[in-house]
Amino acid sequence: MKYFIIYIIIINIIAFIMYGSDKRKAIQGSFRTPEKVLIGVAIIGGSVGAYAGMHMFHHKTKHAKFFIGVPLIIIVQVISFFLVLKAHL
């Protein structure tokens, strides 16, 4: 459980930084991070960091796959976590 918590913290920090970095790249007009990578980092556990990055940097907040998708990913992950936790108690 300790390693899982460490993983979740690290992947959320990475997701947050990725969203901020992509916003900076968008402003500068340089090479961007593909959307599937941004969604992918949310799926593998960085959904809270992705959501925080979206709102902190005002990035991808008008794209349905992000403003609907990322919160749905959070909901699925939270429900899954509690189901797994309940099964192990």
PDB file of N, CA and C in Angstrom:
ATOM      1  N   MET A   1       0.834  -1.193   0.000  1.00  0.00           N
ATOM      2  CA  MET A   1       0.000   0.000   0.000  1.00  0.00           C
ATOM      3  C   MET A   1       0.877   1.255   0.000  1.00  0.00           C
ATOM      4  N   LYS A   2       2.001   1.190   0.705  1.00  0.00           N
ATOM      5  CA  LYS A   2       2.903   2.335   0.770  1.00  0.00           C
ATOM      6  C   LYS A   2       3.415   2.703  -0.625  1.00  0.00           C
ATOM      7  N   TYR A   3       3.787   1.689  -1.407  1.00  0.00           N
ATOM      8  CA  TYR A   3       4.313   1.949  -2.755  1.00  0.00           C
ATOM      9  C   TYR A   3       3.226   2.462  -3.687  1.00  0.00           C
ATOM     10  N   PHE A   4       1.997   2.007  -3.475  1.00  0.00           N
ATOM     11  CA  PHE A   4       0.875   2.494  -4.264  1.00  0.00           C
ATOM     12  C   PHE A   4       0.658   3.990  -4.014  1.00  0.00           C
ATOM     13  N   ILE A   5       0.704   4.393  -2.771  1.00  0.00           N
ATOM     14  CA  ILE A   5       0.519   5.807  -2.423  1.00  0.00           C
ATOM     15  C   ILE A   5       1.645   6.654  -3.008  1.00  0.00           C
ATOM     16  N   ILE A   6       2.869   6.162  -2.915  1.00  0.00           N
ATOM     17  CA  ILE A   6       4.015   6.882  -3.504  1.00  0.00           C
ATOM     18  C   ILE A   6       3.824   7.010  -5.014  1.00  0.00           C
ATOM     19  N   TYR A   7       3.397   5.918  -5.665  1.00  0.00           N
ATOM     20  CA  TYR A   7       3.146   5.947  -7.105  1.00  0.00           C
ATOM     21  C   TYR A   7       2.096   6.994  -7.457  1.00  0.00           C
ATOM     22  N   ILE A   8       0.985   7.001  -6.740  1.00  0.00           N
ATOM     23  CA  ILE A   8      -0.103   7.933  -7.021  1.00  0.00           C
ATOM     24  C   ILE A   8       0.377   9.379  -6.863  1.00  0.00           C
ATOM     25  N   ILE A   9       1.134   9.653  -5.836  1.00  0.00           N
ATOM     26  CA  ILE A   9       1.660  11.014  -5.637  1.00  0.00           C
ATOM     27  C   ILE A   9       2.564  11.407  -6.802  1.00  0.00           C
ATOM     28  N   ILE A  10       3.477  10.528  -7.168  1.00  0.00           N
ATOM     29  CA  ILE A  10       4.430  10.848  -8.237  1.00  0.00           C
ATOM     30  C   ILE A  10       3.728  11.010  -9.585  1.00  0.00           C
ATOM     31  N   ILE A  11       2.805  10.117  -9.937  1.00  0.00           N
ATOM     32  CA  ILE A  11       2.142  10.197 -11.239  1.00  0.00           C
ATOM     33  C   ILE A  11       1.253  11.434 -11.325  1.00  0.00           C
ATOM     34  N   ASN A  12       0.686  11.860 -10.208  1.00  0.00           N
ATOM     35  CA  ASN A  12      -0.126  13.077 -10.223  1.00  0.00           C
ATOM     36  C   ASN A  12       0.732  14.330 -10.361  1.00  0.00           C
ATOM     37  N   ILE A  13       1.896  14.335  -9.754  1.00  0.00           N
ATOM     38  CA  ILE A  13       2.829  15.456  -9.941  1.00  0.00           C
ATOM     39  C   ILE A  13       3.271  15.514 -11.401  1.00  0.00           C
ATOM     40  N   ILE A  14       3.572  14.355 -11.967  1.00  0.00           N
ATOM     41  CA  ILE A  14       3.977  14.299 -13.379  1.00  0.00           C
ATOM     42  C   ILE A  14       2.853  14.810 -14.278  1.00  0.00           C
ATOM     43  N   ALA A  15       1.623  14.374 -14.030  1.00  0.00           N
ATOM     44  CA  ALA A  15       0.481  14.813 -14.843  1.00  0.00           C
ATOM     45  C   ALA A  15       0.309  16.327 -14.754  1.00  0.00           C
ATOM     46  N   PHE A  16       0.392  16.864 -13.554  1.00  0.00           N
ATOM     47  CA  PHE A  16       0.246  18.307 -13.355  1.00  0.00           C
ATOM     48  C   PHE A  16       1.310  19.060 -14.158  1.00  0.00           C
ATOM     49  N   ILE A  17       2.540  18.608 -14.064  1.00  0.00           N
ATOM     50  CA  ILE A  17       3.641  19.248 -14.783  1.00  0.00           C
ATOM     51  C   ILE A  17       3.439  19.115 -16.295  1.00  0.00           C
ATOM     52  N   MET A  18       2.971  17.958 -16.757  1.00  0.00           N
ATOM     53  CA  MET A  18       2.742  17.762 -18.189  1.00  0.00           C
ATOM     54  C   MET A  18       1.701  18.728 -18.735  1.00  0.00           C
ATOM     55  N   TYR A  19       0.631  18.946 -17.988  1.00  0.00           N
ATOM     56  CA  TYR A  19      -0.410  19.868 -18.447  1.00  0.00           C
ATOM     57  C   TYR A  19       0.120  21.305 -18.469  1.00  0.00           C
ATOM     58  N   GLY A  20       0.893  21.670 -17.472  1.00  0.00           N
ATOM     59  CA  GLY A  20       1.498  23.001 -17.455  1.00  0.00           C
ATOM     60  C   GLY A  20       2.495  23.174 -18.585  1.00  0.00           C
ATOM     61  N   SER A  21       3.290  22.169 -18.826  1.00  0.00           N
ATOM     62  CA  SER A  21       4.283  22.218 -19.894  1.00  0.00           C
ATOM     63  C   SER A  21       3.613  22.311 -21.261  1.00  0.00           C
ATOM     64  N   ASP A  22       2.540  21.541 -21.454  1.00  0.00           N
ATOM     65  CA  ASP A  22       1.849  21.586 -22.741  1.00  0.00           C
ATOM     66  C   ASP A  22       1.194  22.947 -22.969  1.00  0.00           C
ATOM     67  N   LYS A  23       0.679  23.540 -21.925  1.00  0.00           N
ATOM     68  CA  LYS A  23       0.100  24.887 -22.059  1.00  0.00           C
ATOM     69  C   LYS A  23       1.180  25.882 -22.474  1.00  0.00           C
ATOM     70  N   ARG A  24       2.342  25.792 -21.843  1.00  0.00           N
ATOM     71  CA  ARG A  24       3.457  26.683 -22.190  1.00  0.00           C
ATOM     72  C   ARG A  24       3.857  26.484 -23.652  1.00  0.00           C
ATOM     73  N   LYS A  25       3.920  25.226 -24.080  1.00  0.00           N
ATOM     74  CA  LYS A  25       4.264  24.919 -25.469  1.00  0.00           C
ATOM     75  C   LYS A  25       3.210  25.468 -26.428  1.00  0.00           C
ATOM     76  N   ALA A  26       1.944  25.414 -26.024  1.00  0.00           N
ATOM     77  CA  ALA A  26       0.870  25.940 -26.871  1.00  0.00           C
ATOM     78  C   ALA A  26       1.025  27.449 -27.057  1.00  0.00           C
ATOM     79  N   ILE A  27       1.373  28.135 -25.994  1.00  0.00           N
ATOM     80  CA  ILE A  27       1.559  29.581 -26.061  1.00  0.00           C
ATOM     81  C   ILE A  27       2.752  29.926 -26.943  1.00  0.00           C
ATOM     82  N   GLN A  28       3.812  29.154 -26.827  1.00  0.00           N
ATOM     83  CA  GLN A  28       5.036  29.407 -27.584  1.00  0.00           C
ATOM     84  C   GLN A  28       4.944  28.912 -29.027  1.00  0.00           C
ATOM     85  N   GLY A  29       3.949  28.096 -29.324  1.00  0.00           N
ATOM     86  CA  GLY A  29       3.804  27.551 -30.662  1.00  0.00           C
ATOM     87  C   GLY A  29       4.786  26.444 -30.982  1.00  0.00           C
ATOM     88  N   SER A  30       5.310  25.788 -29.956  1.00  0.00           N
ATOM     89  CA  SER A  30       6.281  24.710 -30.186  1.00  0.00           C
ATOM     90  C   SER A  30       5.594  23.347 -30.182  1.00  0.00           C
ATOM     91  N   PHE A  31       6.384  22.299 -30.357  1.00  0.00           N
ATOM     92  CA  PHE A  31       5.881  20.924 -30.426  1.00  0.00           C
ATOM     93  C   PHE A  31       5.087  20.590 -29.176  1.00  0.00           C
ATOM     94  N   ARG A  32       3.883  20.038 -29.345  1.00  0.00           N
ATOM     95  CA  ARG A  32       2.964  19.780 -28.247  1.00  0.00           C
ATOM     96  C   ARG A  32       2.968  18.316 -27.822  1.00  0.00           C
ATOM     97  N   THR A  33       2.511  18.089 -26.607  1.00  0.00           N
ATOM     98  CA  THR A  33       2.293  16.741 -26.106  1.00  0.00           C
ATOM     99  C   THR A  33       0.988  16.233 -26.721  1.00  0.00           C
ATOM    100  N   PRO A  34       0.987  15.045 -27.321  1.00  0.00           N
ATOM    101  CA  PRO A  34      -0.254  14.520 -27.920  1.00  0.00           C
ATOM    102  C   PRO A  34      -1.361  14.376 -26.873  1.00  0.00           C
ATOM    103  N   GLU A  35      -2.597  14.632 -27.300  1.00  0.00           N
ATOM    104  CA  GLU A  35      -3.737  14.532 -26.384  1.00  0.00           C
ATOM    105  C   GLU A  35      -3.856  13.140 -25.786  1.00  0.00           C
ATOM    106  N   LYS A  36      -3.562  12.103 -26.585  1.00  0.00           N
ATOM    107  CA  LYS A  36      -3.677  10.741 -26.054  1.00  0.00           C
ATOM    108  C   LYS A  36      -2.681  10.494 -24.925  1.00  0.00           C
ATOM    109  N   VAL A  37      -1.559  11.186 -24.932  1.00  0.00           N
ATOM    110  CA  VAL A  37      -0.589  11.059 -23.847  1.00  0.00           C
ATOM    111  C   VAL A  37      -1.120  11.762 -22.594  1.00  0.00           C
ATOM    112  N   LEU A  38      -1.717  12.940 -22.774  1.00  0.00           N
ATOM    113  CA  LEU A  38      -2.279  13.677 -21.639  1.00  0.00           C
ATOM    114  C   LEU A  38      -3.421  12.884 -20.993  1.00  0.00           C
ATOM    115  N   ILE A  39      -4.300  12.300 -21.815  1.00  0.00           N
ATOM    116  CA  ILE A  39      -5.378  11.463 -21.277  1.00  0.00           C
ATOM    117  C   ILE A  39      -4.787  10.184 -20.672  1.00  0.00           C
ATOM    118  N   GLY A  40      -3.780   9.633 -21.313  1.00  0.00           N
ATOM    119  CA  GLY A  40      -3.151   8.402 -20.831  1.00  0.00           C
ATOM    120  C   GLY A  40      -2.571   8.540 -19.438  1.00  0.00           C
ATOM    121  N   VAL A  41      -1.922   9.655 -19.169  1.00  0.00           N
ATOM    122  CA  VAL A  41      -1.339   9.860 -17.838  1.00  0.00           C
ATOM    123  C   VAL A  41      -2.444   9.956 -16.784  1.00  0.00           C
ATOM    124  N   ALA A  42      -3.610  10.473 -17.179  1.00  0.00           N
ATOM    125  CA  ALA A  42      -4.748  10.502 -16.253  1.00  0.00           C
ATOM    126  C   ALA A  42      -5.240   9.085 -15.980  1.00  0.00           C
ATOM    127  N   ILE A  43      -5.313   8.277 -17.036  1.00  0.00           N
ATOM    128  CA  ILE A  43      -5.814   6.906 -16.907  1.00  0.00           C
ATOM    129  C   ILE A  43      -4.913   6.055 -16.020  1.00  0.00           C
ATOM    130  N   ILE A  44      -3.613   6.254 -16.106  1.00  0.00           N
ATOM    131  CA  ILE A  44      -2.709   5.399 -15.315  1.00  0.00           C
ATOM    132  C   ILE A  44      -2.535   5.897 -13.875  1.00  0.00           C
ATOM    133  N   GLY A  45      -3.388   6.808 -13.441  1.00  0.00           N
ATOM    134  CA  GLY A  45      -3.375   7.220 -12.037  1.00  0.00           C
ATOM    135  C   GLY A  45      -3.182   8.697 -11.796  1.00  0.00           C
ATOM    136  N   GLY A  46      -2.916   9.463 -12.835  1.00  0.00           N
ATOM    137  CA  GLY A  46      -2.647  10.884 -12.654  1.00  0.00           C
ATOM    138  C   GLY A  46      -3.844  11.783 -12.888  1.00  0.00           C
ATOM    139  N   SER A  47      -5.038  11.259 -12.684  1.00  0.00           N
ATOM    140  CA  SER A  47      -6.253  12.018 -13.002  1.00  0.00           C
ATOM    141  C   SER A  47      -6.432  13.270 -12.148  1.00  0.00           C
ATOM    142  N   VAL A  48      -6.105  13.198 -10.897  1.00  0.00           N
ATOM    143  CA  VAL A  48      -6.254  14.380 -10.025  1.00  0.00           C
ATOM    144  C   VAL A  48      -5.244  15.452 -10.423  1.00  0.00           C
ATOM    145  N   GLY A  49      -4.017  15.051 -10.719  1.00  0.00           N
ATOM    146  CA  GLY A  49      -3.007  15.999 -11.187  1.00  0.00           C
ATOM    147  C   GLY A  49      -3.391  16.597 -12.526  1.00  0.00           C
ATOM    148  N   ALA A  50      -3.965  15.764 -13.422  1.00  0.00           N
ATOM    149  CA  ALA A  50      -4.428  16.252 -14.725  1.00  0.00           C
ATOM    150  C   ALA A  50      -5.540  17.282 -14.532  1.00  0.00           C
ATOM    151  N   TYR A  51      -6.494  16.965 -13.673  1.00  0.00           N
ATOM    152  CA  TYR A  51      -7.608  17.879 -13.418  1.00  0.00           C
ATOM    153  C   TYR A  51      -7.106  19.188 -12.815  1.00  0.00           C
ATOM    154  N   ALA A  52      -6.201  19.089 -11.861  1.00  0.00           N
ATOM    155  CA  ALA A  52      -5.639  20.300 -11.241  1.00  0.00           C
ATOM    156  C   ALA A  52      -4.863  21.113 -12.275  1.00  0.00           C
ATOM    157  N   GLY A  53      -4.093  20.443 -13.126  1.00  0.00           N
ATOM    158  CA  GLY A  53      -3.340  21.129 -14.171  1.00  0.00           C
ATOM    159  C   GLY A  53      -4.246  21.805 -15.181  1.00  0.00           C
ATOM    160  N   MET A  54      -5.342  21.126 -15.540  1.00  0.00           N
ATOM    161  CA  MET A  54      -6.294  21.722 -16.476  1.00  0.00           C
ATOM    162  C   MET A  54      -6.806  23.053 -15.943  1.00  0.00           C
ATOM    163  N   HIS A  55      -7.142  23.077 -14.684  1.00  0.00           N
ATOM    164  CA  HIS A  55      -7.740  24.281 -14.115  1.00  0.00           C
ATOM    165  C   HIS A  55      -6.700  25.328 -13.705  1.00  0.00           C
ATOM    166  N   MET A  56      -5.578  24.905 -13.224  1.00  0.00           N
ATOM    167  CA  MET A  56      -4.533  25.848 -12.827  1.00  0.00           C
ATOM    168  C   MET A  56      -3.988  26.593 -14.045  1.00  0.00           C
ATOM    169  N   PHE A  57      -3.796  25.866 -15.141  1.00  0.00           N
ATOM    170  CA  PHE A  57      -3.189  26.452 -16.331  1.00  0.00           C
ATOM    171  C   PHE A  57      -4.221  26.825 -17.392  1.00  0.00           C
ATOM    172  N   HIS A  58      -5.517  26.611 -17.092  1.00  0.00           N
ATOM    173  CA  HIS A  58      -6.597  26.895 -18.054  1.00  0.00           C
ATOM    174  C   HIS A  58      -6.287  26.210 -19.379  1.00  0.00           C
ATOM    175  N   HIS A  59      -6.022  24.914 -19.296  1.00  0.00           N
ATOM    176  CA  HIS A  59      -5.585  24.152 -20.458  1.00  0.00           C
ATOM    177  C   HIS A  59      -6.508  22.966 -20.706  1.00  0.00           C
ATOM    178  N   LYS A  60      -6.988  22.852 -21.921  1.00  0.00           N
ATOM    179  CA  LYS A  60      -7.863  21.760 -22.368  1.00  0.00           C
ATOM    180  C   LYS A  60      -9.221  21.784 -21.678  1.00  0.00           C
ATOM    181  N   THR A  61      -9.600  22.899 -21.100  1.00  0.00           N
ATOM    182  CA  THR A  61     -10.869  22.973 -20.375  1.00  0.00           C
ATOM    183  C   THR A  61     -12.068  23.123 -21.306  1.00  0.00           C
ATOM    184  N   LYS A  62     -11.851  23.371 -22.587  1.00  0.00           N
ATOM    185  CA  LYS A  62     -12.954  23.505 -23.542  1.00  0.00           C
ATOM    186  C   LYS A  62     -13.109  22.269 -24.427  1.00  0.00           C
ATOM    187  N   HIS A  63     -12.247  21.297 -24.251  1.00  0.00           N
ATOM    188  CA  HIS A  63     -12.310  20.060 -25.030  1.00  0.00           C
ATOM    189  C   HIS A  63     -13.101  19.024 -24.245  1.00  0.00           C
ATOM    190  N   ALA A  64     -14.191  18.521 -24.846  1.00  0.00           N
ATOM    191  CA  ALA A  64     -15.082  17.583 -24.146  1.00  0.00           C
ATOM    192  C   ALA A  64     -14.347  16.365 -23.612  1.00  0.00           C
ATOM    193  N   LYS A  65     -13.404  15.838 -24.399  1.00  0.00           N
ATOM    194  CA  LYS A  65     -12.711  14.634 -23.924  1.00  0.00           C
ATOM    195  C   LYS A  65     -11.918  14.903 -22.660  1.00  0.00           C
ATOM    196  N   PHE A  66     -11.626  16.165 -22.381  1.00  0.00           N
ATOM    197  CA  PHE A  66     -10.906  16.518 -21.164  1.00  0.00           C
ATOM    198  C   PHE A  66     -11.857  16.982 -20.064  1.00  0.00           C
ATOM    199  N   PHE A  67     -12.777  17.935 -20.360  1.00  0.00           N
ATOM    200  CA  PHE A  67     -13.606  18.444 -19.266  1.00  0.00           C
ATOM    201  C   PHE A  67     -14.670  17.446 -18.831  1.00  0.00           C
ATOM    202  N   ILE A  68     -14.955  16.453 -19.666  1.00  0.00           N
ATOM    203  CA  ILE A  68     -15.845  15.362 -19.249  1.00  0.00           C
ATOM    204  C   ILE A  68     -15.013  14.131 -18.893  1.00  0.00           C
ATOM    205  N   GLY A  69     -14.032  13.817 -19.735  1.00  0.00           N
ATOM    206  CA  GLY A  69     -13.249  12.594 -19.572  1.00  0.00           C
ATOM    207  C   GLY A  69     -12.439  12.515 -18.298  1.00  0.00           C
ATOM    208  N   VAL A  70     -11.712  13.567 -17.971  1.00  0.00           N
ATOM    209  CA  VAL A  70     -10.849  13.522 -16.783  1.00  0.00           C
ATOM    210  C   VAL A  70     -11.672  13.368 -15.491  1.00  0.00           C
ATOM    211  N   PRO A  71     -12.761  14.130 -15.309  1.00  0.00           N
ATOM    212  CA  PRO A  71     -13.576  13.881 -14.100  1.00  0.00           C
ATOM    213  C   PRO A  71     -14.163  12.462 -14.058  1.00  0.00           C
ATOM    214  N   LEU A  72     -14.555  11.918 -15.223  1.00  0.00           N
ATOM    215  CA  LEU A  72     -15.056  10.540 -15.246  1.00  0.00           C
ATOM    216  C   LEU A  72     -13.970   9.551 -14.850  1.00  0.00           C
ATOM    217  N   ILE A  73     -12.757   9.797 -15.306  1.00  0.00           N
ATOM    218  CA  ILE A  73     -11.633   8.936 -14.923  1.00  0.00           C
ATOM    219  C   ILE A  73     -11.431   8.983 -13.413  1.00  0.00           C
ATOM    220  N   ILE A  74     -11.517  10.179 -12.835  1.00  0.00           N
ATOM    221  CA  ILE A  74     -11.380  10.323 -11.376  1.00  0.00           C
ATOM    222  C   ILE A  74     -12.446   9.495 -10.672  1.00  0.00           C
ATOM    223  N   ILE A  75     -13.686   9.612 -11.116  1.00  0.00           N
ATOM    224  CA  ILE A  75     -14.791   8.884 -10.479  1.00  0.00           C
ATOM    225  C   ILE A  75     -14.560   7.379 -10.547  1.00  0.00           C
ATOM    226  N   VAL A  76     -14.191   6.883 -11.733  1.00  0.00           N
ATOM    227  CA  VAL A  76     -13.939   5.445 -11.898  1.00  0.00           C
ATOM    228  C   VAL A  76     -12.785   4.999 -10.999  1.00  0.00           C
ATOM    229  N   GLN A  77     -11.730   5.801 -10.931  1.00  0.00           N
ATOM    230  CA  GLN A  77     -10.580   5.428 -10.105  1.00  0.00           C
ATOM    231  C   GLN A  77     -10.916   5.435  -8.618  1.00  0.00           C
ATOM    232  N   VAL A  78     -11.686   6.396  -8.165  1.00  0.00           N
ATOM    233  CA  VAL A  78     -12.060   6.458  -6.747  1.00  0.00           C
ATOM    234  C   VAL A  78     -12.951   5.272  -6.384  1.00  0.00           C
ATOM    235  N   ILE A  79     -13.937   4.988  -7.234  1.00  0.00           N
ATOM    236  CA  ILE A  79     -14.817   3.842  -6.977  1.00  0.00           C
ATOM    237  C   ILE A  79     -14.005   2.545  -6.972  1.00  0.00           C
ATOM    238  N   SER A  80     -13.124   2.389  -7.951  1.00  0.00           N
ATOM    239  CA  SER A  80     -12.279   1.190  -8.017  1.00  0.00           C
ATOM    240  C   SER A  80     -11.413   1.049  -6.777  1.00  0.00           C
ATOM    241  N   PHE A  81     -10.834   2.151  -6.336  1.00  0.00           N
ATOM    242  CA  PHE A  81      -9.979   2.117  -5.145  1.00  0.00           C
ATOM    243  C   PHE A  81     -10.767   1.626  -3.932  1.00  0.00           C
ATOM    244  N   PHE A  82     -11.969   2.177  -3.737  1.00  0.00           N
ATOM    245  CA  PHE A  82     -12.754   1.780  -2.574  1.00  0.00           C
ATOM    246  C   PHE A  82     -13.253   0.347  -2.674  1.00  0.00           C
ATOM    247  N   LEU A  83     -13.558  -0.127  -3.880  1.00  0.00           N
ATOM    248  CA  LEU A  83     -13.956  -1.518  -4.041  1.00  0.00           C
ATOM    249  C   LEU A  83     -12.802  -2.465  -3.711  1.00  0.00           C
ATOM    250  N   VAL A  84     -11.615  -2.130  -4.189  1.00  0.00           N
ATOM    251  CA  VAL A  84     -10.432  -2.949  -3.888  1.00  0.00           C
ATOM    252  C   VAL A  84     -10.131  -2.895  -2.398  1.00  0.00           C
ATOM    253  N   LEU A  85     -10.190  -1.720  -1.817  1.00  0.00           N
ATOM    254  CA  LEU A  85      -9.946  -1.567  -0.386  1.00  0.00           C
ATOM    255  C   LEU A  85     -10.942  -2.375   0.425  1.00  0.00           C
ATOM    256  N   LYS A  86     -12.208  -2.307   0.062  1.00  0.00           N
ATOM    257  CA  LYS A  86     -13.252  -3.050   0.772  1.00  0.00           C
ATOM    258  C   LYS A  86     -13.023  -4.560   0.648  1.00  0.00           C
ATOM    259  N   ALA A  87     -12.581  -5.026  -0.506  1.00  0.00           N
ATOM    260  CA  ALA A  87     -12.350  -6.448  -0.717  1.00  0.00           C
ATOM    261  C   ALA A  87     -11.180  -6.954   0.123  1.00  0.00           C
ATOM    262  N   HIS A  88     -10.258  -6.083   0.473  1.00  0.00           N
ATOM    263  CA  HIS A  88      -9.087  -6.496   1.244  1.00  0.00           C
ATOM    264  C   HIS A  88      -9.251  -6.311   2.753  1.00  0.00           C
ATOM    265  N   LEU A  89     -10.374  -5.800   3.178  1.00  0.00           N
ATOM    266  CA  LEU A  89     -10.593  -5.613   4.621  1.00  0.00           C
ATOM    267  C   LEU A  89     -11.283  -6.788   5.243  1.00  0.00           C
TER     268      LEU A  89
END
